[in-house]
């Protein structure tokens, strides 16, 4: 039986760098939430920062970076579908309760 091809495992330093980046992004989110100048653009700023954190976690800690592109496409497609459903529900709730 032929041994399966192994992907190269990241070193400990790589995990520490990604953890540091996640810490910096979290600090940026906290700073943005306490900055009065960003009050009008707070939601888009937080969405971009959280999307960056999500991408780091999904690609590095969930090992999507080392897997086949098909897994990444499936994951991204289902994530997009979940986002569309979530935003649709928010819009329907706002319309139902007259918050539009």
Protein backbone atom coordinates (compact mmCIF):
# COMPACT_ATOMS: atom_id res chain seq x y z
CA UNK A 1 0.00 0.00 0.00
CA UNK A 2 1.44 3.33 -1.04
CA UNK A 3 1.71 5.98 1.65
CA UNK A 4 -0.46 9.04 1.15
CA UNK A 5 1.29 12.27 0.25
CA UNK A 6 1.66 14.44 3.31
CA UNK A 7 1.40 18.19 3.25
CA UNK A 8 4.09 20.19 4.94
CA UNK A 9 3.07 21.03 8.48
CA UNK A 10 3.52 24.66 9.53
CA UNK A 11 6.07 25.44 12.19
CA UNK A 12 5.27 26.79 15.61
CA UNK A 13 6.43 30.23 14.51
CA UNK A 14 3.73 30.28 11.83
CA UNK A 15 1.03 29.61 14.43
CA UNK A 16 2.43 32.38 16.62
CA UNK A 17 2.49 34.86 13.72
CA UNK A 18 -1.13 34.10 12.84
CA UNK A 19 -2.12 34.37 16.51
CA UNK A 20 -0.34 37.73 16.66
CA UNK A 21 -2.19 38.93 13.56
CA UNK A 22 -5.50 37.85 15.07
CA UNK A 23 -4.63 39.75 18.25
CA UNK A 24 -3.78 42.89 16.26
CA UNK A 25 -7.03 42.64 14.28
CA UNK A 26 -9.01 42.24 17.51
CA UNK A 27 -7.28 45.31 18.93
CA UNK A 28 -8.20 47.22 15.77
CA UNK A 29 -11.83 46.18 16.22
CA UNK A 30 -11.83 47.40 19.81
CA UNK A 31 -10.15 50.68 18.83
CA UNK A 32 -12.66 51.20 16.01
CA UNK A 33 -15.61 50.60 18.31
CA UNK A 34 -14.36 53.32 20.73
CA UNK A 35 -13.47 55.86 18.01
CA UNK A 36 -16.21 58.50 17.69
CA UNK A 37 -15.03 59.53 14.20
CA UNK A 38 -15.94 56.07 12.88
CA UNK A 39 -19.51 56.12 14.19
CA UNK A 40 -21.08 56.36 10.71
CA UNK A 41 -18.79 53.72 9.18
CA UNK A 42 -18.44 51.44 12.19
CA UNK A 43 -20.40 48.47 10.84
CA UNK A 44 -18.52 48.23 7.51
CA UNK A 45 -15.17 48.63 9.29
CA UNK A 46 -16.02 45.89 11.77
CA UNK A 47 -17.30 43.63 8.98
CA UNK A 48 -14.05 43.98 7.05
CA UNK A 49 -11.92 43.34 10.14
CA UNK A 50 -13.97 40.33 11.19
CA UNK A 51 -13.87 38.94 7.63
CA UNK A 52 -10.08 39.19 7.70
CA UNK A 53 -9.99 37.33 11.02
CA UNK A 54 -12.38 34.70 9.70
CA UNK A 55 -10.24 34.18 6.60
CA UNK A 56 -7.11 33.72 8.70
CA UNK A 57 -8.78 31.19 10.97
CA UNK A 58 -10.45 29.27 8.14
CA UNK A 59 -7.39 29.11 5.93
CA UNK A 60 -4.77 28.48 8.57
CA UNK A 61 -6.27 26.75 11.61
CA UNK A 62 -8.87 24.81 9.63
CA UNK A 63 -6.09 23.84 7.19
CA UNK A 64 -8.01 24.96 4.09
CA UNK A 65 -4.74 26.44 2.88
CA UNK A 66 -3.24 22.97 2.64
CA UNK A 67 -6.26 21.15 1.21
CA UNK A 68 -7.63 20.85 -2.28
CA UNK A 69 -9.13 23.95 -3.91
CA UNK A 70 -12.44 22.08 -4.14
CA UNK A 71 -12.81 22.16 -0.34
CA UNK A 72 -12.20 25.90 -0.28
CA UNK A 73 -14.75 26.49 -3.05
CA UNK A 74 -17.36 24.35 -1.28
CA UNK A 75 -16.70 26.10 2.03
CA UNK A 76 -16.84 29.59 0.48
CA UNK A 77 -20.03 28.80 -1.46
CA UNK A 78 -21.83 27.54 1.64
CA UNK A 79 -20.58 30.51 3.64
CA UNK A 80 -21.90 32.91 1.02
CA UNK A 81 -25.25 31.11 1.04
CA UNK A 82 -25.41 31.39 4.85
CA UNK A 83 -24.64 35.11 4.66
CA UNK A 84 -27.37 35.69 2.06
CA UNK A 85 -29.92 33.81 4.18
CA UNK A 86 -28.90 35.71 7.33
CA UNK A 87 -29.14 39.13 5.69
CA UNK A 88 -32.46 38.17 4.09
CA UNK A 89 -33.87 37.24 7.48
CA UNK A 90 -32.66 40.55 8.93
CA UNK A 91 -34.36 42.46 6.09
CA UNK A 92 -37.61 40.48 6.50
CA UNK A 93 -37.66 41.05 10.27
CA UNK A 94 -37.07 44.78 9.82
CA UNK A 95 -39.83 44.97 7.21
CA UNK A 96 -42.24 42.89 9.31
CA UNK A 97 -41.78 45.05 12.40
CA UNK A 98 -41.86 48.29 10.41
CA UNK A 99 -38.26 49.27 11.12
CA UNK A 100 -37.48 50.14 7.52
